[in-house]
Amino acid sequence: MNLVDAFIAAGWEVVFCSSSKKNEYSEKLQERGIRTEQIQFNDPSFDLFVSHENPHYVIFDRFLTEEQFGWRVQDHSPDSVRIIDTIDLHFLRKEREKHLKAGMSLVDLAACKFGLDTNDTYREIAAIYRSDCSLIISDFEMKLLIERLEVPEKQLFLSRFHYPASPSSPSFEERSNFVMIGNFRHSPNSDALHWLQRDIWPEIRRHLPLAQVHVYGAYPTREIMNLTDPKMGFYVMGTAANQFETLRQYRINLAPLRFGAGIKGKITDGWWTGTPVITTSVGAEGMSEDLPWGGAISDDPQEFALNAVKLYQSKDAWEKCQAQGDAIIQQLYSGLSHASDIIKKMETIRHNLAQSRRANFIGGMLSHHLHKSTKYFSLWIESKNSLKSPG
């Protein structure tokens, strides 16, 4: 939505395309002047659609979407600039999850002390090469791609979240209790919830016997809702009607992430609402550069809990951390500067598109060879579907 808002502010027409059906969590895009279109996997209707639209830019939501639709855009709207919004590096998140389950420490997970020669890595890096540009949300992931995987820096662009000026915030005295927030279909959030409930919250509760933690997130399963334990002050609340208004009520924002990638909206949302954050090394990754952290960082569950307790009890420490979080938002997540930079980057690519593509030999090679497997598999499914159709 940051990107969409930037494009609308620049006077661009935005068409939002999705193969998913609308549901109660869908953004009300049409109310914001955004045209929406339903598209289909493995269907030639998309070819006609993109050819007719002939957009200046096509932005793929993650590399998986580029695999499905990238070759169709290339064939039927070849002058469109193809951009991947990576959100986070899928392969990094998946590898961390695998190694966490195998017993790797959180410190080693944060340091990426494992191999990256995996199927997910090959697929995602191939998609990055095939595209004209990829938006990378974390400076840590930029460094990983450039230094460890040797992706050319010219094909990447650092694009963090964008926030307007921070609003006035409730004071220390006006807030109470702890909060955790995150979509439960995202596996790092579900894992964080269980780690909080099992290893962290009992220690916090031992020091603060009247404290409560309220956990919010879309798509909670019955198992997750059943973690509610009033005797322990542990409440799973379900979906937050508004994440900002929700976070503003609480004194401490807990983000006990043991694996993941990218940057974490739950943390920046917390800072923007004046709510200090206790998190892990993985949670803090790529979030603040060298600026003082707006809260505390620990990978040990007992230390994590003690940091949360100390910050909860100390008004001076809390106000200092709140100010540090606000400084991070102002210096690294300013909406106006980021919106302007992304527009300039995209326009520069479009005006030099032919030259840029000639220089990207590896991307051209991957489009010519490896991407054909996705293309012809999709066409095979398309043919099967047509045989099933009446008539």
Protein backbone atom coordinates (compact mmCIF):
# COMPACT_ATOMS: atom_id res chain seq x y z
CA MET A 1 0.00 0.00 0.00
CA ASN A 2 2.99 2.32 0.50
CA LEU A 3 3.90 1.82 -3.15
CA VAL A 4 0.32 2.22 -4.35
CA ASP A 5 -0.04 5.48 -2.43
CA ALA A 6 3.23 6.77 -3.91
CA PHE A 7 2.08 5.99 -7.44
CA ILE A 8 -1.30 7.67 -6.95
CA ALA A 9 0.41 10.75 -5.48
CA ALA A 10 2.57 10.90 -8.63
CA GLY A 11 -0.58 10.97 -10.78
CA TRP A 12 -0.20 7.44 -12.12
CA GLU A 13 -3.10 5.13 -12.86
CA VAL A 14 -2.89 2.00 -10.70
CA VAL A 15 -4.49 -1.32 -11.61
CA PHE A 16 -4.39 -3.96 -8.86
CA CYS A 17 -4.55 -7.52 -10.23
CA SER A 18 -5.03 -10.63 -8.13
CA SER A 19 -5.98 -14.25 -8.60
CA SER A 20 -7.36 -14.34 -5.06
CA LYS A 21 -10.98 -13.79 -4.20
CA LYS A 22 -11.89 -10.77 -2.10
CA ASN A 23 -12.57 -11.42 1.57
CA GLU A 24 -13.19 -9.54 4.80
CA TYR A 25 -9.52 -8.60 5.04
CA SER A 26 -9.23 -7.19 1.52
CA GLU A 27 -8.20 -3.56 1.24
CA LYS A 28 -10.99 -1.36 -0.12
CA LEU A 29 -8.92 -0.36 -3.11
CA GLN A 30 -11.68 1.00 -5.31
CA GLU A 31 -12.55 3.59 -2.66
CA ARG A 32 -9.01 4.90 -3.11
CA GLY A 33 -9.39 5.25 -6.88
CA ILE A 34 -7.64 1.97 -7.72
CA ARG A 35 -9.07 -0.27 -10.43
CA THR A 36 -9.08 -3.95 -9.51
CA GLU A 37 -8.95 -6.91 -11.89
CA GLN A 38 -9.36 -10.62 -11.28
CA ILE A 39 -6.73 -12.64 -13.16
CA GLN A 40 -6.28 -16.38 -13.63
CA PHE A 41 -3.28 -18.67 -13.42
CA ASN A 42 -2.45 -20.71 -16.52
CA ASP A 43 -5.01 -18.92 -18.65
CA PRO A 44 -4.57 -17.01 -21.94
CA SER A 45 -7.04 -14.35 -20.76
CA PHE A 46 -4.12 -12.69 -18.96
CA ASP A 47 -2.22 -12.40 -22.24
CA LEU A 48 -5.06 -10.43 -23.80
CA PHE A 49 -5.46 -8.34 -20.66
CA VAL A 50 -1.82 -7.27 -20.33
CA SER A 51 -1.49 -6.69 -24.07
CA HIS A 52 -4.52 -4.39 -24.00
CA GLU A 53 -3.34 -2.54 -20.89
CA ASN A 54 0.27 -2.27 -22.13
CA PRO A 55 1.39 -0.81 -18.76
CA HIS A 56 4.56 1.18 -18.27
CA TYR A 57 5.35 -0.91 -15.18
CA VAL A 58 4.35 -4.32 -13.89
CA ILE A 59 5.17 -5.02 -10.24
CA PHE A 60 5.09 -8.64 -9.10
CA ASP A 61 4.25 -9.36 -5.47
CA ARG A 62 7.10 -11.76 -4.60
CA PHE A 63 9.08 -13.89 -7.02
CA LEU A 64 6.37 -16.59 -7.13
CA THR A 65 4.11 -14.18 -9.02
CA GLU A 66 6.94 -13.38 -11.43
CA GLU A 67 7.33 -17.09 -12.15
CA GLN A 68 3.65 -17.36 -13.03
CA PHE A 69 3.18 -14.15 -15.00
CA GLY A 70 6.62 -12.76 -15.88
CA TRP A 71 6.98 -14.64 -19.14
CA ARG A 72 3.46 -13.65 -20.20
CA VAL A 73 4.26 -9.97 -19.62
CA GLN A 74 7.53 -10.39 -21.51
CA ASP A 75 5.74 -12.00 -24.48
CA HIS A 76 2.64 -9.79 -24.63
CA SER A 77 3.77 -6.44 -23.21
CA PRO A 78 7.52 -6.46 -23.85
CA ASP A 79 8.06 -2.74 -23.22
CA SER A 80 6.68 -2.95 -19.69
CA VAL A 81 9.29 -2.58 -16.95
CA ARG A 82 9.15 -5.74 -14.84
CA ILE A 83 9.78 -5.23 -11.13
CA ILE A 84 9.67 -7.68 -8.21
CA ASP A 85 8.57 -6.36 -4.83
CA THR A 86 10.37 -9.03 -2.82
CA ILE A 87 8.71 -8.07 0.53
CA ASP A 88 11.34 -10.26 2.16
CA LEU A 89 13.69 -12.88 0.80
CA HIS A 90 11.58 -16.04 0.73
CA PHE A 91 14.58 -18.37 0.62
CA LEU A 92 16.17 -16.73 3.67
CA ARG A 93 13.03 -17.08 5.75
CA LYS A 94 12.53 -20.70 4.69
CA GLU A 95 16.14 -21.67 5.41
CA ARG A 96 16.03 -20.07 8.84
CA GLU A 97 12.83 -21.94 9.67
CA LYS A 98 14.39 -25.23 8.61
CA HIS A 99 17.57 -24.69 10.64
CA LEU A 100 15.63 -23.48 13.69
CA LYS A 101 13.74 -26.78 13.69
CA ALA A 102 17.08 -28.57 13.41
CA GLY A 103 18.29 -26.85 16.57
CA MET A 104 20.42 -23.94 15.33
CA SER A 105 20.79 -21.06 17.79
CA LEU A 106 19.07 -17.72 17.18
CA VAL A 107 22.47 -16.01 17.04
CA ASP A 108 23.67 -18.31 14.24
CA LEU A 109 20.36 -17.96 12.43
CA ALA A 110 20.72 -14.17 12.46
CA ALA A 111 24.27 -14.50 11.15
CA CYS A 112 23.09 -16.81 8.32
CA LYS A 113 25.56 -19.53 9.21
CA PHE A 114 24.13 -22.00 6.74
CA GLY A 115 24.32 -22.74 3.03
CA LEU A 116 22.10 -20.96 0.51
CA ASP A 117 22.48 -23.41 -2.38
CA THR A 118 18.83 -24.47 -2.23
CA ASN A 119 15.98 -24.79 -4.70
CA ASP A 120 14.20 -21.76 -3.21
CA THR A 121 17.36 -19.66 -3.47
CA TYR A 122 17.97 -20.60 -7.10
CA ARG A 123 14.38 -19.82 -8.03
CA GLU A 124 14.25 -16.47 -6.27
CA ILE A 125 17.64 -15.26 -7.52
CA ALA A 126 16.75 -16.36 -11.07
CA ALA A 127 13.56 -14.27 -10.86
CA ILE A 128 15.58 -11.28 -9.63
CA TYR A 129 17.94 -11.60 -12.61
CA ARG A 130 15.06 -11.94 -15.08
CA SER A 131 13.44 -8.74 -13.84
CA ASP A 132 14.46 -5.19 -14.66
CA CYS A 133 14.65 -4.29 -10.97
CA SER A 134 13.88 -5.83 -7.57
CA LEU A 135 12.76 -3.85 -4.55
CA ILE A 136 14.62 -5.00 -1.44
CA ILE A 137 13.16 -3.91 1.86
CA SER A 138 16.16 -4.48 4.14
CA ASP A 139 19.74 -3.21 3.95
CA PHE A 140 20.81 -6.54 5.47
CA GLU A 141 19.25 -8.39 2.53
CA MET A 142 20.82 -5.96 0.06
CA LYS A 143 24.22 -6.81 1.54
CA LEU A 144 23.47 -10.55 1.50
CA LEU A 145 22.47 -10.47 -2.18
CA ILE A 146 25.41 -8.34 -3.29
CA GLU A 147 28.24 -9.76 -1.16
CA ARG A 148 27.32 -13.40 -0.64
CA LEU A 149 25.29 -14.20 -3.77
CA GLU A 150 26.99 -11.65 -6.06
CA VAL A 151 23.81 -10.16 -7.51
CA PRO A 152 24.66 -6.90 -9.35
CA GLU A 153 23.75 -3.91 -7.19
CA LYS A 154 22.32 -2.04 -10.20
CA GLN A 155 19.46 -4.57 -10.35
CA LEU A 156 18.41 -3.90 -6.75
CA PHE A 157 16.78 -0.94 -5.02
CA LEU A 158 16.38 -0.47 -1.27
CA SER A 159 12.74 0.42 -0.59
CA ARG A 160 11.70 0.44 3.06
CA PHE A 161 8.24 1.08 4.48
CA HIS A 162 6.99 4.67 4.21
CA TYR A 163 5.37 6.53 7.12
CA PRO A 164 3.96 10.05 7.45
CA ALA A 165 4.98 12.23 10.39
CA SER A 166 4.40 10.44 13.70
CA PRO A 167 1.19 11.42 15.52
CA SER A 168 1.04 12.53 19.13
CA SER A 169 1.30 9.52 21.41
CA PRO A 170 -0.30 8.48 24.72
CA SER A 171 2.04 8.85 27.69
CA PHE A 172 3.66 6.16 29.83
CA GLU A 173 0.91 6.55 32.46
CA GLU A 174 -1.88 6.34 29.87
CA ARG A 175 -0.72 2.95 28.67
CA SER A 176 -0.72 -0.47 30.28
CA ASN A 177 0.04 -4.12 29.56
CA PHE A 178 1.87 -5.83 26.69
CA VAL A 179 0.89 -6.47 23.08
CA MET A 180 1.94 -8.79 20.26
CA ILE A 181 0.59 -8.43 16.75
CA GLY A 182 1.00 -10.37 13.48
CA ASN A 183 -0.85 -12.35 10.81
CA PHE A 184 -1.05 -15.97 11.95
CA ARG A 185 -0.80 -17.37 8.42
CA HIS A 186 2.79 -16.12 8.47
CA SER A 187 4.75 -18.94 10.11
CA PRO A 188 7.28 -16.70 11.96
CA ASN A 189 4.36 -15.10 13.82
CA SER A 190 2.80 -18.41 14.85
CA ASP A 191 6.18 -19.65 16.07
CA ALA A 192 6.74 -16.39 17.97
CA LEU A 193 3.37 -16.72 19.69
CA HIS A 194 4.14 -20.23 20.94
CA TRP A 195 7.62 -19.20 22.11
CA LEU A 196 6.11 -16.23 23.95
CA GLN A 197 3.44 -18.35 25.62
CA ARG A 198 5.78 -21.21 26.54
CA ASP A 199 9.13 -19.59 27.48
CA ILE A 200 8.83 -15.81 27.81
CA TRP A 201 5.46 -14.82 29.26
CA PRO A 202 5.69 -17.00 32.41
CA GLU A 203 8.91 -15.15 33.32
CA ILE A 204 7.31 -11.75 32.72
CA ARG A 205 4.28 -12.78 34.72
CA ARG A 206 6.49 -13.97 37.61
CA HIS A 207 7.80 -10.41 37.99
CA LEU A 208 4.53 -8.67 37.09
CA PRO A 209 1.74 -10.93 38.45
CA LEU A 210 -1.07 -8.56 37.38
CA ALA A 211 0.23 -7.87 33.87
CA GLN A 212 -1.60 -9.00 30.75
CA VAL A 213 -0.50 -9.62 27.18
CA HIS A 214 -3.01 -9.22 24.34
CA VAL A 215 -2.17 -11.01 21.10
CA TYR A 216 -3.70 -9.77 17.84
CA GLY A 217 -3.58 -11.19 14.33
CA ALA A 218 -5.69 -12.17 11.35
CA TYR A 219 -6.53 -15.81 10.57
CA PRO A 220 -6.14 -17.29 14.07
CA THR A 221 -6.79 -21.03 14.17
CA ARG A 222 -8.84 -22.66 16.90
CA GLU A 223 -5.59 -23.97 18.42
CA ILE A 224 -4.21 -20.42 18.58
CA MET A 225 -7.40 -18.99 20.11
CA ASN A 226 -7.31 -21.76 22.70
CA LEU A 227 -3.97 -20.46 24.00
CA THR A 228 -5.96 -17.83 25.90
CA ASP A 229 -5.34 -18.34 29.62
CA PRO A 230 -7.01 -15.74 31.88
CA LYS A 231 -5.23 -17.09 34.98
CA MET A 232 -1.91 -16.20 33.32
CA GLY A 233 -3.14 -12.92 31.85
CA PHE A 234 -2.60 -14.32 28.35
CA TYR A 235 -5.30 -13.33 25.84
CA VAL A 236 -5.50 -14.09 22.11
CA MET A 237 -7.75 -11.34 20.78
CA GLY A 238 -7.99 -12.18 17.05
CA THR A 239 -7.94 -9.54 14.35
CA ALA A 240 -7.18 -5.94 15.32
CA ALA A 241 -9.69 -3.52 13.82
CA ASN A 242 -6.87 -0.97 13.39
CA GLN A 243 -3.28 -1.93 14.18
CA PHE A 244 -2.22 1.65 14.97
CA GLU A 245 -5.04 2.40 17.39
CA THR A 246 -4.47 -1.00 18.98
CA LEU A 247 -0.73 -0.52 19.52
CA ARG A 248 -1.24 2.95 21.03
CA GLN A 249 -3.05 1.42 24.00
CA TYR A 250 -0.10 -0.66 25.22
CA ARG A 251 3.13 0.13 27.02
CA ILE A 252 5.36 -2.56 25.46
CA ASN A 253 5.27 -4.21 22.02
CA LEU A 254 6.62 -7.79 22.05
CA ALA A 255 8.05 -9.25 18.81
CA PRO A 256 9.73 -12.56 19.81
CA LEU A 257 10.65 -13.63 16.27
CA ARG A 258 12.97 -16.63 16.07
CA PHE A 259 13.16 -16.67 12.27
CA GLY A 260 12.04 -14.56 9.36
CA ALA A 261 13.42 -12.06 6.86
CA GLY A 262 12.87 -8.55 5.54
CA ILE A 263 11.83 -5.81 7.92
CA LYS A 264 8.94 -6.14 10.31
CA GLY A 265 5.87 -3.94 10.05
CA LYS A 266 4.83 -4.86 13.58
CA ILE A 267 8.02 -3.16 14.84
CA THR A 268 7.86 -0.01 12.71
CA ASP A 269 4.13 0.29 13.44
CA GLY A 270 5.03 0.12 17.12
CA TRP A 271 7.62 2.88 16.84
CA TRP A 272 5.27 5.05 14.78
CA THR A 273 2.67 4.79 17.55
CA GLY A 274 5.24 5.48 20.25
CA THR A 275 5.37 1.90 21.55
CA PRO A 276 8.88 0.57 22.40
CA VAL A 277 9.68 -2.90 21.06
CA ILE A 278 11.36 -5.91 22.65
CA THR A 279 12.58 -8.30 19.95
CA THR A 280 15.34 -10.71 18.87
CA SER A 281 18.37 -10.35 16.59
CA VAL A 282 16.31 -11.65 13.67
CA GLY A 283 13.51 -9.22 14.53
CA ALA A 284 15.95 -6.30 14.66
CA GLU A 285 17.73 -7.24 11.45
CA GLY A 286 17.80 -4.49 8.83
CA MET A 287 15.55 -2.24 10.89
CA SER A 288 17.63 0.60 12.34
CA GLU A 289 21.10 0.73 10.72
CA ASP A 290 23.42 2.15 13.43
CA LEU A 291 20.75 4.13 15.28
CA PRO A 292 20.00 3.27 18.94
CA TRP A 293 17.24 0.66 19.17
CA GLY A 294 13.79 1.79 20.27
CA GLY A 295 13.41 -0.86 22.98
CA ALA A 296 15.62 -3.89 23.63
CA ILE A 297 17.04 -6.90 21.76
CA SER A 298 17.68 -10.38 23.17
CA ASP A 299 17.76 -13.95 21.88
CA ASP A 300 17.56 -15.56 25.33
CA PRO A 301 13.97 -15.99 26.56
CA GLN A 302 14.75 -15.09 30.19
CA GLU A 303 16.76 -12.02 29.22
CA PHE A 304 14.01 -11.08 26.74
CA ALA A 305 11.48 -11.24 29.57
CA LEU A 306 13.64 -9.25 32.01
CA ASN A 307 14.21 -6.52 29.38
CA ALA A 308 10.44 -6.29 28.94
CA VAL A 309 9.86 -6.08 32.70
CA LYS A 310 12.52 -3.37 33.25
CA LEU A 311 11.21 -1.23 30.42
CA TYR A 312 7.64 -1.69 31.59
CA GLN A 313 8.50 -0.41 35.06
CA SER A 314 10.86 2.47 34.25
CA LYS A 315 9.27 5.65 32.89
CA ASP A 316 12.64 7.25 32.13
CA ALA A 317 13.94 4.22 30.20
CA TRP A 318 10.60 3.88 28.40
CA GLU A 319 10.54 7.51 27.27
CA LYS A 320 14.14 7.25 26.07
CA CYS A 321 13.32 4.14 24.00
CA GLN A 322 10.17 5.79 22.67
CA ALA A 323 12.24 8.76 21.46
CA GLN A 324 14.80 6.40 19.86
CA GLY A 325 12.06 4.56 17.99
CA ASP A 326 10.64 7.84 16.73
CA ALA A 327 14.11 8.91 15.54
CA ILE A 328 14.43 5.68 13.52
CA ILE A 329 11.07 6.33 11.87
CA GLN A 330 12.00 9.90 10.99
CA GLN A 331 15.45 9.08 9.63
CA LEU A 332 14.87 5.75 7.85
CA TYR A 333 11.15 5.49 7.11
CA SER A 334 10.16 8.99 5.99
CA GLY A 335 7.28 8.73 3.54
CA LEU A 336 8.04 11.75 1.36
CA SER A 337 11.69 10.92 0.63
CA HIS A 338 11.05 7.22 -0.06
CA ALA A 339 8.11 7.89 -2.38
CA SER A 340 10.15 10.37 -4.42
CA ASP A 341 13.15 8.02 -4.65
CA ILE A 342 11.13 5.03 -5.91
CA ILE A 343 9.40 7.11 -8.59
CA LYS A 344 12.76 8.46 -9.82
CA LYS A 345 14.26 4.95 -9.89
CA MET A 346 11.39 3.51 -11.90
CA GLU A 347 11.39 6.35 -14.41
CA THR A 348 15.15 6.02 -14.88
CA ILE A 349 14.80 2.31 -15.63
CA ARG A 350 12.03 2.88 -18.18
CA HIS A 351 13.96 5.59 -20.01
CA ASN A 352 17.04 3.33 -20.28
CA LEU A 353 15.27 0.00 -20.61
CA ALA A 354 16.86 -1.31 -23.83
CA GLN A 355 20.38 -0.52 -22.65
CA SER A 356 19.72 -2.04 -19.22
CA ARG A 357 18.41 -5.27 -20.70
CA ARG A 358 21.36 -5.59 -23.08
CA ALA A 359 23.70 -5.28 -20.10
CA ASN A 360 21.82 -7.98 -18.14
CA PHE A 361 23.14 -11.00 -20.00
CA ILE A 362 22.43 -13.48 -17.21
CA GLY A 363 18.83 -12.31 -16.92
CA GLY A 364 18.36 -12.69 -20.66
CA MET A 365 19.88 -16.15 -20.58
CA LEU A 366 17.60 -17.24 -17.73
CA SER A 367 14.55 -15.90 -19.55
CA HIS A 368 15.58 -17.75 -22.70
CA HIS A 369 16.24 -21.10 -21.06
CA LEU A 370 15.27 -21.74 -17.45
CA HIS A 371 12.10 -19.66 -17.53
CA LYS A 372 10.82 -21.73 -20.47
CA SER A 373 10.15 -24.64 -18.13
CA THR A 374 7.66 -22.50 -16.19
CA LYS A 375 6.18 -21.19 -19.42
CA TYR A 376 5.60 -24.56 -21.05
CA PHE A 377 4.38 -26.17 -17.85
CA SER A 378 1.81 -23.37 -17.60
CA LEU A 379 0.81 -23.85 -21.24
CA TRP A 380 0.43 -27.60 -20.61
CA ILE A 381 -1.95 -26.88 -17.70
CA GLU A 382 -3.76 -24.37 -19.90
CA SER A 383 -4.23 -27.04 -22.60
CA LYS A 384 -5.50 -29.57 -20.03
CA ASN A 385 -7.99 -27.02 -18.72
CA SER A 386 -9.27 -26.29 -22.21
CA LEU A 387 -9.89 -30.00 -22.82
CA LYS A 388 -12.00 -30.16 -19.65
CA SER A 389 -14.11 -27.18 -20.71
CA PRO A 390 -17.54 -27.91 -22.29
CA GLY A 391 -17.38 -27.71 -26.06
